[in-house]
Amino acid sequence: MEIKEAQQQVDHWIKTVGVRYFSELTNMAILTEEVGELARIMARKYGDQSFKESDKQKDLADEMADVLWVLICLANQTGVDLTEALRKNFEKKNIRDADRHKDNPKLKS
């Protein structure tokens, strides 16, 4: 699925099933909550924390999709074309970071 198509599908779902978008501020709070849920799973799966019984059924991919969903909602609400934004971000990183990481001893294996 292309990013543009994802933005269109989320918009359609919100307007037909979800009734309407939550406010931008509410969605920002929801995004923060979803990132926290993703962080919790990452800390347990890849970090040093032990899984709680309630976390064992959590799906990493689903948590990432929740983050993406709310980010797409915010983009739709604020008129951001995520395809274009990502293209510009790559351009920025390619200029700014062209040599930045090559000499970082922390990244050498």
C-alpha atoms as a PDB file:
ATOM      1  CA  MET A   1       0.000   0.000   0.000  1.00  0.00           C
ATOM      2  CA  GLU A   2       1.299   3.439  -0.895  1.00  0.00           C
ATOM      3  CA  ILE A   3       1.368   6.117   1.824  1.00  0.00           C
ATOM      4  CA  LYS A   4      -1.111   8.242  -0.138  1.00  0.00           C
ATOM      5  CA  GLU A   5      -3.508   5.296  -0.306  1.00  0.00           C
ATOM      6  CA  ALA A   6      -3.112   4.712   3.446  1.00  0.00           C
ATOM      7  CA  GLN A   7      -3.988   8.362   4.076  1.00  0.00           C
ATOM      8  CA  GLN A   8      -7.083   7.998   1.877  1.00  0.00           C
ATOM      9  CA  GLN A   9      -8.192   4.743   3.512  1.00  0.00           C
ATOM     10  CA  VAL A  10      -7.773   6.118   7.031  1.00  0.00           C
ATOM     11  CA  ASP A  11      -9.733   9.221   6.031  1.00  0.00           C
ATOM     12  CA  HIS A  12     -12.520   7.080   4.565  1.00  0.00           C
ATOM     13  CA  TRP A  13     -12.668   4.884   7.678  1.00  0.00           C
ATOM     14  CA  ILE A  14     -12.744   7.874  10.012  1.00  0.00           C
ATOM     15  CA  LYS A  15     -15.575   9.514   8.071  1.00  0.00           C
ATOM     16  CA  THR A  16     -17.688   6.353   7.734  1.00  0.00           C
ATOM     17  CA  VAL A  17     -16.970   4.183  10.769  1.00  0.00           C
ATOM     18  CA  GLY A  18     -15.282   6.570  13.165  1.00  0.00           C
ATOM     19  CA  VAL A  19     -17.879   9.335  12.562  1.00  0.00           C
ATOM     20  CA  ARG A  20     -15.278  12.129  12.636  1.00  0.00           C
ATOM     21  CA  TYR A  21     -11.685  12.829  13.568  1.00  0.00           C
ATOM     22  CA  PHE A  22     -10.875  13.477  17.196  1.00  0.00           C
ATOM     23  CA  SER A  23      -9.381  16.924  17.691  1.00  0.00           C
ATOM     24  CA  GLU A  24      -5.738  17.355  16.731  1.00  0.00           C
ATOM     25  CA  LEU A  25      -4.753  17.768  20.361  1.00  0.00           C
ATOM     26  CA  THR A  26      -6.630  14.608  21.356  1.00  0.00           C
ATOM     27  CA  ASN A  27      -4.937  12.698  18.542  1.00  0.00           C
ATOM     28  CA  MET A  28      -1.553  14.023  19.652  1.00  0.00           C
ATOM     29  CA  ALA A  29      -2.257  12.655  23.131  1.00  0.00           C
ATOM     30  CA  ILE A  30      -3.377   9.335  21.613  1.00  0.00           C
ATOM     31  CA  LEU A  31      -0.185   9.208  19.525  1.00  0.00           C
ATOM     32  CA  THR A  32       1.860   9.682  22.679  1.00  0.00           C
ATOM     33  CA  GLU A  33      -0.091   6.891  24.365  1.00  0.00           C
ATOM     34  CA  GLU A  34       0.427   4.546  21.407  1.00  0.00           C
ATOM     35  CA  VAL A  35       4.168   5.290  21.283  1.00  0.00           C
ATOM     36  CA  GLY A  36       4.276   4.463  24.991  1.00  0.00           C
ATOM     37  CA  GLU A  37       2.615   1.105  24.348  1.00  0.00           C
ATOM     38  CA  LEU A  38       5.137   0.396  21.599  1.00  0.00           C
ATOM     39  CA  ALA A  39       8.001   1.413  23.905  1.00  0.00           C
ATOM     40  CA  ARG A  40       6.707  -0.930  26.592  1.00  0.00           C
ATOM     41  CA  ILE A  41       6.820  -3.925  24.245  1.00  0.00           C
ATOM     42  CA  MET A  42      10.243  -2.926  22.875  1.00  0.00           C
ATOM     43  CA  ALA A  43      11.655  -2.576  26.404  1.00  0.00           C
ATOM     44  CA  ARG A  44      10.440  -6.040  27.289  1.00  0.00           C
ATOM     45  CA  LYS A  45      11.300  -7.806  24.034  1.00  0.00           C
ATOM     46  CA  TYR A  46      14.638  -6.144  23.247  1.00  0.00           C
ATOM     47  CA  GLY A  47      15.542  -4.421  26.491  1.00  0.00           C
ATOM     48  CA  ASP A  48      16.179  -5.561  30.019  1.00  0.00           C
ATOM     49  CA  GLN A  49      12.646  -5.521  31.406  1.00  0.00           C
ATOM     50  CA  SER A  50      10.721  -8.709  32.087  1.00  0.00           C
ATOM     51  CA  PHE A  51       7.349  -9.283  30.485  1.00  0.00           C
ATOM     52  CA  LYS A  52       4.314  -8.819  32.684  1.00  0.00           C
ATOM     53  CA  GLU A  53       1.552 -11.345  32.132  1.00  0.00           C
ATOM     54  CA  SER A  54      -0.610  -8.604  30.607  1.00  0.00           C
ATOM     55  CA  ASP A  55       2.106  -7.750  28.045  1.00  0.00           C
ATOM     56  CA  LYS A  56       2.704 -11.268  26.746  1.00  0.00           C
ATOM     57  CA  GLN A  57      -0.186 -11.127  24.282  1.00  0.00           C
ATOM     58  CA  LYS A  58       0.817  -7.743  22.820  1.00  0.00           C
ATOM     59  CA  ASP A  59       1.842  -7.782  19.172  1.00  0.00           C
ATOM     60  CA  LEU A  60       4.759  -5.552  18.175  1.00  0.00           C
ATOM     61  CA  ALA A  61       3.508  -5.103  14.596  1.00  0.00           C
ATOM     62  CA  ASP A  62       0.044  -4.157  15.805  1.00  0.00           C
ATOM     63  CA  GLU A  63       1.491  -1.580  18.194  1.00  0.00           C
ATOM     64  CA  MET A  64       3.535  -0.079  15.339  1.00  0.00           C
ATOM     65  CA  ALA A  65       0.421   0.004  13.157  1.00  0.00           C
ATOM     66  CA  ASP A  66      -1.457   1.853  15.926  1.00  0.00           C
ATOM     67  CA  VAL A  67       1.282   4.518  15.947  1.00  0.00           C
ATOM     68  CA  LEU A  68       1.153   4.796  12.160  1.00  0.00           C
ATOM     69  CA  TRP A  69      -2.660   5.024  12.169  1.00  0.00           C
ATOM     70  CA  VAL A  70      -2.739   7.980  14.546  1.00  0.00           C
ATOM     71  CA  LEU A  71       0.153   9.680  12.745  1.00  0.00           C
ATOM     72  CA  ILE A  72      -1.808   9.364   9.502  1.00  0.00           C
ATOM     73  CA  CYS A  73      -4.860  10.844  11.241  1.00  0.00           C
ATOM     74  CA  LEU A  74      -2.798  13.845  12.324  1.00  0.00           C
ATOM     75  CA  ALA A  75      -1.358  14.257   8.825  1.00  0.00           C
ATOM     76  CA  ASN A  76      -4.831  14.169   7.305  1.00  0.00           C
ATOM     77  CA  GLN A  77      -6.152  16.683   9.822  1.00  0.00           C
ATOM     78  CA  THR A  78      -3.325  19.133   9.287  1.00  0.00           C
ATOM     79  CA  GLY A  79      -3.093  18.818   5.505  1.00  0.00           C
ATOM     80  CA  VAL A  80       0.272  17.039   5.430  1.00  0.00           C
ATOM     81  CA  ASP A  81       1.007  14.839   2.420  1.00  0.00           C
ATOM     82  CA  LEU A  82       3.156  12.189   4.093  1.00  0.00           C
ATOM     83  CA  THR A  83       4.600  10.984   0.783  1.00  0.00           C
ATOM     84  CA  GLU A  84       5.934  14.450   0.026  1.00  0.00           C
ATOM     85  CA  ALA A  85       7.007  15.005   3.628  1.00  0.00           C
ATOM     86  CA  LEU A  86       8.987  11.759   3.629  1.00  0.00           C
ATOM     87  CA  ARG A  87      10.572  12.599   0.263  1.00  0.00           C
ATOM     88  CA  LYS A  88      11.700  15.969   1.617  1.00  0.00           C
ATOM     89  CA  ASN A  89      12.960  14.317   4.800  1.00  0.00           C
ATOM     90  CA  PHE A  90      15.134  11.912   2.800  1.00  0.00           C
ATOM     91  CA  GLU A  91      16.497  14.875   0.862  1.00  0.00           C
ATOM     92  CA  LYS A  92      17.324  16.698   4.087  1.00  0.00           C
ATOM     93  CA  LYS A  93      19.006  13.672   5.623  1.00  0.00           C
ATOM     94  CA  ASN A  94      21.014  12.935   2.476  1.00  0.00           C
ATOM     95  CA  ILE A  95      22.454  16.446   2.577  1.00  0.00           C
ATOM     96  CA  ARG A  96      22.859  16.900   6.325  1.00  0.00           C
ATOM     97  CA  ASP A  97      23.984  13.388   7.183  1.00  0.00           C
ATOM     98  CA  ALA A  98      25.909  12.377   4.054  1.00  0.00           C
ATOM     99  CA  ASP A  99      29.124  11.790   6.030  1.00  0.00           C
ATOM    100  CA  ARG A 100      27.932  12.215   9.583  1.00  0.00           C
ATOM    101  CA  HIS A 101      27.778   8.559  10.610  1.00  0.00           C
ATOM    102  CA  LYS A 102      30.662   7.116   8.569  1.00  0.00           C
ATOM    103  CA  ASP A 103      33.326   8.107  11.089  1.00  0.00           C
ATOM    104  CA  ASN A 104      31.337   7.376  14.226  1.00  0.00           C
ATOM    105  CA  PRO A 105      33.345   4.765  16.168  1.00  0.00           C
ATOM    106  CA  LYS A 106      30.199   3.756  18.054  1.00  0.00           C
ATOM    107  CA  LEU A 107      28.736   2.419  14.816  1.00  0.00           C
ATOM    108  CA  LYS A 108      31.751   0.342  13.787  1.00  0.00           C
ATOM    109  CA  SER A 109      31.349  -3.356  14.416  1.00  0.00           C
END
